[in-house]
N, C-alpha and C. Protein backbone atom coordinates (compact mmCIF):
# COMPACT_ATOMS: atom_id res chain seq x y z
N UNK A 1 -13.98 -5.72 25.64
CA UNK A 1 -13.67 -6.78 24.72
C UNK A 1 -13.09 -6.16 23.45
N UNK A 2 -11.94 -6.67 23.00
CA UNK A 2 -11.37 -6.11 21.79
C UNK A 2 -12.08 -6.66 20.56
N UNK A 3 -11.79 -6.07 19.41
CA UNK A 3 -12.49 -6.42 18.18
C UNK A 3 -12.27 -7.88 17.77
N UNK A 4 -11.05 -8.41 17.94
CA UNK A 4 -10.79 -9.79 17.55
C UNK A 4 -11.57 -10.77 18.43
N UNK A 5 -11.71 -10.46 19.71
CA UNK A 5 -12.51 -11.31 20.60
C UNK A 5 -13.97 -11.31 20.19
N UNK A 6 -14.48 -10.14 19.86
CA UNK A 6 -15.87 -10.03 19.44
C UNK A 6 -16.09 -10.79 18.13
N UNK A 7 -15.14 -10.70 17.21
CA UNK A 7 -15.25 -11.41 15.94
C UNK A 7 -15.26 -12.92 16.16
N UNK A 8 -14.33 -13.41 16.99
CA UNK A 8 -14.29 -14.85 17.27
C UNK A 8 -15.60 -15.31 17.89
N UNK A 9 -16.09 -14.54 18.84
CA UNK A 9 -17.34 -14.88 19.51
C UNK A 9 -18.49 -14.98 18.52
N UNK A 10 -18.59 -14.01 17.61
CA UNK A 10 -19.66 -14.02 16.63
C UNK A 10 -19.53 -15.18 15.65
N UNK A 11 -18.30 -15.48 15.25
CA UNK A 11 -18.09 -16.54 14.27
C UNK A 11 -18.27 -17.94 14.87
N UNK A 12 -18.09 -18.08 16.17
CA UNK A 12 -18.12 -19.39 16.80
C UNK A 12 -19.23 -19.56 17.83
N UNK A 13 -20.26 -18.75 17.75
CA UNK A 13 -21.29 -18.75 18.78
C UNK A 13 -22.03 -20.08 18.88
N UNK A 14 -22.10 -20.83 17.80
CA UNK A 14 -22.83 -22.10 17.83
C UNK A 14 -21.91 -23.31 17.90
N UNK A 15 -20.61 -23.08 18.10
CA UNK A 15 -19.64 -24.19 18.06
C UNK A 15 -19.91 -25.23 19.16
N UNK A 16 -20.13 -24.78 20.39
CA UNK A 16 -20.38 -25.72 21.47
C UNK A 16 -21.66 -26.50 21.22
N UNK A 17 -22.70 -25.83 20.77
CA UNK A 17 -23.94 -26.53 20.45
C UNK A 17 -23.69 -27.58 19.38
N UNK A 18 -22.89 -27.24 18.38
CA UNK A 18 -22.57 -28.20 17.32
C UNK A 18 -21.83 -29.41 17.89
N UNK A 19 -20.85 -29.17 18.75
CA UNK A 19 -20.12 -30.29 19.35
C UNK A 19 -21.04 -31.20 20.14
N UNK A 20 -21.90 -30.62 20.93
CA UNK A 20 -22.80 -31.43 21.75
C UNK A 20 -23.76 -32.25 20.91
N UNK A 21 -24.25 -31.67 19.82
CA UNK A 21 -25.17 -32.39 18.95
C UNK A 21 -24.48 -33.50 18.17
N UNK A 22 -23.24 -33.27 17.74
CA UNK A 22 -22.53 -34.26 16.94
C UNK A 22 -21.89 -35.34 17.79
N UNK A 23 -21.81 -35.15 19.10
CA UNK A 23 -21.19 -36.16 19.96
C UNK A 23 -21.91 -37.49 19.85
N UNK A 24 -23.19 -37.45 19.62
CA UNK A 24 -23.96 -38.69 19.49
C UNK A 24 -23.51 -39.51 18.29
N UNK A 25 -23.04 -38.82 17.25
CA UNK A 25 -22.64 -39.48 16.01
C UNK A 25 -21.14 -39.70 15.90
N UNK A 26 -20.37 -39.18 16.83
CA UNK A 26 -18.93 -39.29 16.77
C UNK A 26 -18.41 -40.08 17.97
N UNK A 27 -17.98 -41.32 17.77
CA UNK A 27 -17.48 -42.11 18.89
C UNK A 27 -16.32 -41.45 19.63
N UNK A 28 -15.40 -40.82 18.92
CA UNK A 28 -14.26 -40.19 19.56
C UNK A 28 -14.68 -38.99 20.40
N UNK A 29 -15.55 -38.16 19.86
CA UNK A 29 -16.03 -37.00 20.61
C UNK A 29 -16.88 -37.44 21.81
N UNK A 30 -17.68 -38.45 21.62
CA UNK A 30 -18.48 -38.99 22.71
C UNK A 30 -17.58 -39.53 23.82
N UNK A 31 -16.50 -40.20 23.45
CA UNK A 31 -15.54 -40.71 24.43
C UNK A 31 -14.91 -39.57 25.22
N UNK A 32 -14.58 -38.49 24.53
CA UNK A 32 -14.02 -37.32 25.20
C UNK A 32 -15.00 -36.77 26.24
N UNK A 33 -16.26 -36.60 25.84
CA UNK A 33 -17.26 -36.06 26.78
C UNK A 33 -17.45 -36.99 27.98
N UNK A 34 -17.45 -38.29 27.76
CA UNK A 34 -17.59 -39.23 28.87
C UNK A 34 -16.41 -39.14 29.82
N UNK A 35 -15.20 -39.05 29.27
CA UNK A 35 -14.01 -38.91 30.11
C UNK A 35 -14.04 -37.61 30.90
N UNK A 36 -14.48 -36.54 30.25
CA UNK A 36 -14.60 -35.25 30.92
C UNK A 36 -15.60 -35.32 32.08
N UNK A 37 -16.73 -35.96 31.84
CA UNK A 37 -17.75 -36.09 32.89
C UNK A 37 -17.22 -36.91 34.07
N UNK A 38 -16.54 -37.99 33.80
CA UNK A 38 -15.99 -38.82 34.88
C UNK A 38 -14.96 -38.04 35.69
N UNK A 39 -14.11 -37.27 35.01
CA UNK A 39 -13.12 -36.45 35.70
C UNK A 39 -13.79 -35.45 36.63
N UNK A 40 -14.81 -34.77 36.14
CA UNK A 40 -15.51 -33.79 36.96
C UNK A 40 -16.17 -34.45 38.17
N UNK A 41 -16.82 -35.57 37.95
CA UNK A 41 -17.49 -36.26 39.05
C UNK A 41 -16.51 -36.67 40.13
N UNK A 42 -15.31 -37.10 39.73
CA UNK A 42 -14.30 -37.53 40.70
C UNK A 42 -13.62 -36.35 41.38
N UNK A 43 -13.53 -35.22 40.70
CA UNK A 43 -12.77 -34.07 41.19
C UNK A 43 -13.55 -33.17 42.14
N UNK A 44 -14.86 -33.21 42.06
CA UNK A 44 -15.69 -32.31 42.87
C UNK A 44 -16.33 -33.12 44.00
N UNK A 45 -16.04 -32.70 45.22
CA UNK A 45 -16.60 -33.39 46.38
C UNK A 45 -18.02 -32.91 46.68
N UNK A 46 -18.78 -33.76 47.30
CA UNK A 46 -20.15 -33.43 47.70
C UNK A 46 -20.15 -32.21 48.61
N UNK A 47 -21.05 -31.29 48.35
CA UNK A 47 -21.19 -30.09 49.17
C UNK A 47 -20.34 -28.92 48.72
N UNK A 48 -19.51 -29.11 47.71
CA UNK A 48 -18.67 -28.02 47.21
C UNK A 48 -19.52 -26.92 46.59
N UNK A 49 -18.97 -25.73 46.54
CA UNK A 49 -19.49 -24.64 45.71
C UNK A 49 -18.57 -24.53 44.51
N UNK A 50 -19.15 -24.34 43.33
CA UNK A 50 -18.38 -24.36 42.09
C UNK A 50 -18.62 -23.08 41.29
N UNK A 51 -17.53 -22.50 40.79
CA UNK A 51 -17.62 -21.41 39.83
C UNK A 51 -17.12 -21.97 38.50
N UNK A 52 -17.96 -21.88 37.50
CA UNK A 52 -17.63 -22.40 36.17
C UNK A 52 -17.39 -21.21 35.24
N UNK A 53 -16.10 -20.88 35.02
CA UNK A 53 -15.74 -19.80 34.10
C UNK A 53 -15.83 -20.32 32.68
N UNK A 54 -16.52 -19.58 31.84
CA UNK A 54 -16.74 -20.05 30.47
C UNK A 54 -17.74 -21.19 30.48
N UNK A 55 -18.84 -21.02 31.21
CA UNK A 55 -19.79 -22.10 31.49
C UNK A 55 -20.56 -22.57 30.27
N UNK A 56 -20.56 -21.78 29.21
CA UNK A 56 -21.32 -22.21 28.03
C UNK A 56 -22.78 -22.40 28.38
N UNK A 57 -23.33 -23.54 28.00
CA UNK A 57 -24.75 -23.79 28.25
C UNK A 57 -25.03 -24.38 29.62
N UNK A 58 -24.01 -24.49 30.46
CA UNK A 58 -24.21 -24.96 31.83
C UNK A 58 -24.13 -26.46 32.03
N UNK A 59 -23.63 -27.19 31.03
CA UNK A 59 -23.66 -28.65 31.13
C UNK A 59 -22.81 -29.18 32.27
N UNK A 60 -21.70 -28.51 32.62
CA UNK A 60 -20.89 -29.00 33.73
C UNK A 60 -21.61 -28.81 35.06
N UNK A 61 -22.20 -27.65 35.26
CA UNK A 61 -22.95 -27.43 36.49
C UNK A 61 -24.15 -28.37 36.57
N UNK A 62 -24.80 -28.60 35.45
CA UNK A 62 -25.93 -29.53 35.42
C UNK A 62 -25.48 -30.94 35.77
N UNK A 63 -24.33 -31.34 35.26
CA UNK A 63 -23.78 -32.66 35.56
C UNK A 63 -23.53 -32.83 37.06
N UNK A 64 -23.12 -31.76 37.70
CA UNK A 64 -22.75 -31.82 39.12
C UNK A 64 -23.89 -31.45 40.07
N UNK A 65 -25.09 -31.29 39.55
CA UNK A 65 -26.19 -30.76 40.35
C UNK A 65 -26.49 -31.56 41.61
N UNK A 66 -26.24 -32.84 41.61
CA UNK A 66 -26.54 -33.66 42.79
C UNK A 66 -25.39 -33.66 43.81
N UNK A 67 -24.25 -33.09 43.43
CA UNK A 67 -23.10 -33.09 44.32
C UNK A 67 -22.81 -31.74 44.94
N UNK A 68 -23.09 -30.67 44.20
CA UNK A 68 -22.65 -29.35 44.67
C UNK A 68 -23.71 -28.65 45.50
N UNK A 69 -23.22 -27.79 46.38
CA UNK A 69 -24.10 -26.98 47.21
C UNK A 69 -24.58 -25.76 46.44
N UNK A 70 -23.65 -25.12 45.73
CA UNK A 70 -23.95 -23.93 44.94
C UNK A 70 -23.15 -23.97 43.66
N UNK A 71 -23.71 -23.39 42.61
CA UNK A 71 -22.98 -23.27 41.36
C UNK A 71 -23.18 -21.89 40.76
N UNK A 72 -22.11 -21.35 40.22
CA UNK A 72 -22.16 -20.05 39.57
C UNK A 72 -21.53 -20.20 38.19
N UNK A 73 -22.29 -19.89 37.16
CA UNK A 73 -21.77 -19.94 35.80
C UNK A 73 -21.48 -18.55 35.28
N UNK A 74 -20.30 -18.39 34.70
CA UNK A 74 -19.87 -17.10 34.16
C UNK A 74 -19.49 -17.31 32.70
N UNK A 75 -20.02 -16.48 31.81
CA UNK A 75 -19.70 -16.57 30.40
C UNK A 75 -19.90 -15.20 29.76
N UNK A 76 -19.10 -14.89 28.74
CA UNK A 76 -19.24 -13.63 28.02
C UNK A 76 -20.42 -13.64 27.06
N UNK A 77 -20.87 -14.81 26.67
CA UNK A 77 -21.94 -14.95 25.68
C UNK A 77 -23.29 -14.97 26.40
N UNK A 78 -24.08 -13.94 26.21
CA UNK A 78 -25.38 -13.83 26.87
C UNK A 78 -26.31 -14.98 26.48
N UNK A 79 -26.24 -15.43 25.24
CA UNK A 79 -27.07 -16.54 24.80
C UNK A 79 -26.79 -17.82 25.58
N UNK A 80 -25.51 -18.10 25.82
CA UNK A 80 -25.16 -19.28 26.61
C UNK A 80 -25.62 -19.13 28.06
N UNK A 81 -25.51 -17.92 28.60
CA UNK A 81 -25.98 -17.71 29.98
C UNK A 81 -27.48 -17.96 30.10
N UNK A 82 -28.22 -17.56 29.09
CA UNK A 82 -29.67 -17.81 29.11
C UNK A 82 -29.95 -19.31 29.06
N UNK A 83 -29.22 -20.05 28.22
CA UNK A 83 -29.39 -21.50 28.15
C UNK A 83 -29.01 -22.15 29.48
N UNK A 84 -27.90 -21.70 30.06
CA UNK A 84 -27.45 -22.25 31.33
C UNK A 84 -28.46 -21.96 32.44
N UNK A 85 -29.04 -20.79 32.41
CA UNK A 85 -30.04 -20.44 33.41
C UNK A 85 -31.26 -21.33 33.32
N UNK A 86 -31.67 -21.67 32.10
CA UNK A 86 -32.80 -22.57 31.92
C UNK A 86 -32.45 -24.00 32.37
N UNK A 87 -31.26 -24.45 32.01
CA UNK A 87 -30.84 -25.80 32.33
C UNK A 87 -30.57 -25.99 33.82
N UNK A 88 -30.04 -24.94 34.45
CA UNK A 88 -29.60 -25.06 35.85
C UNK A 88 -30.37 -24.16 36.79
N UNK A 89 -31.64 -24.00 36.58
CA UNK A 89 -32.42 -23.07 37.40
C UNK A 89 -32.57 -23.50 38.86
N UNK A 90 -32.14 -24.70 39.18
CA UNK A 90 -32.27 -25.23 40.53
C UNK A 90 -31.03 -25.01 41.37
N UNK A 91 -29.93 -24.51 40.75
CA UNK A 91 -28.67 -24.32 41.50
C UNK A 91 -28.63 -22.90 42.02
């Protein structure tokens, strides 16, 4: 990882958490998340195996837990991987 990537990662480590928390208070952001969820549900067929690159806290894999056979989350941020592991320990 080059220095600029490491800097961005350190400066923005809580950005996704912030977005998820503020979605409840932001109608536009909430609408985006709902549209994203609907797209994923329609795009992934039952029984698929999914690799989520840049999985963050695992919310996409968690959303698809009843449809997918297997899920693999990949992220450079160890903190997000730990959160994803807790959220998606059944996949």
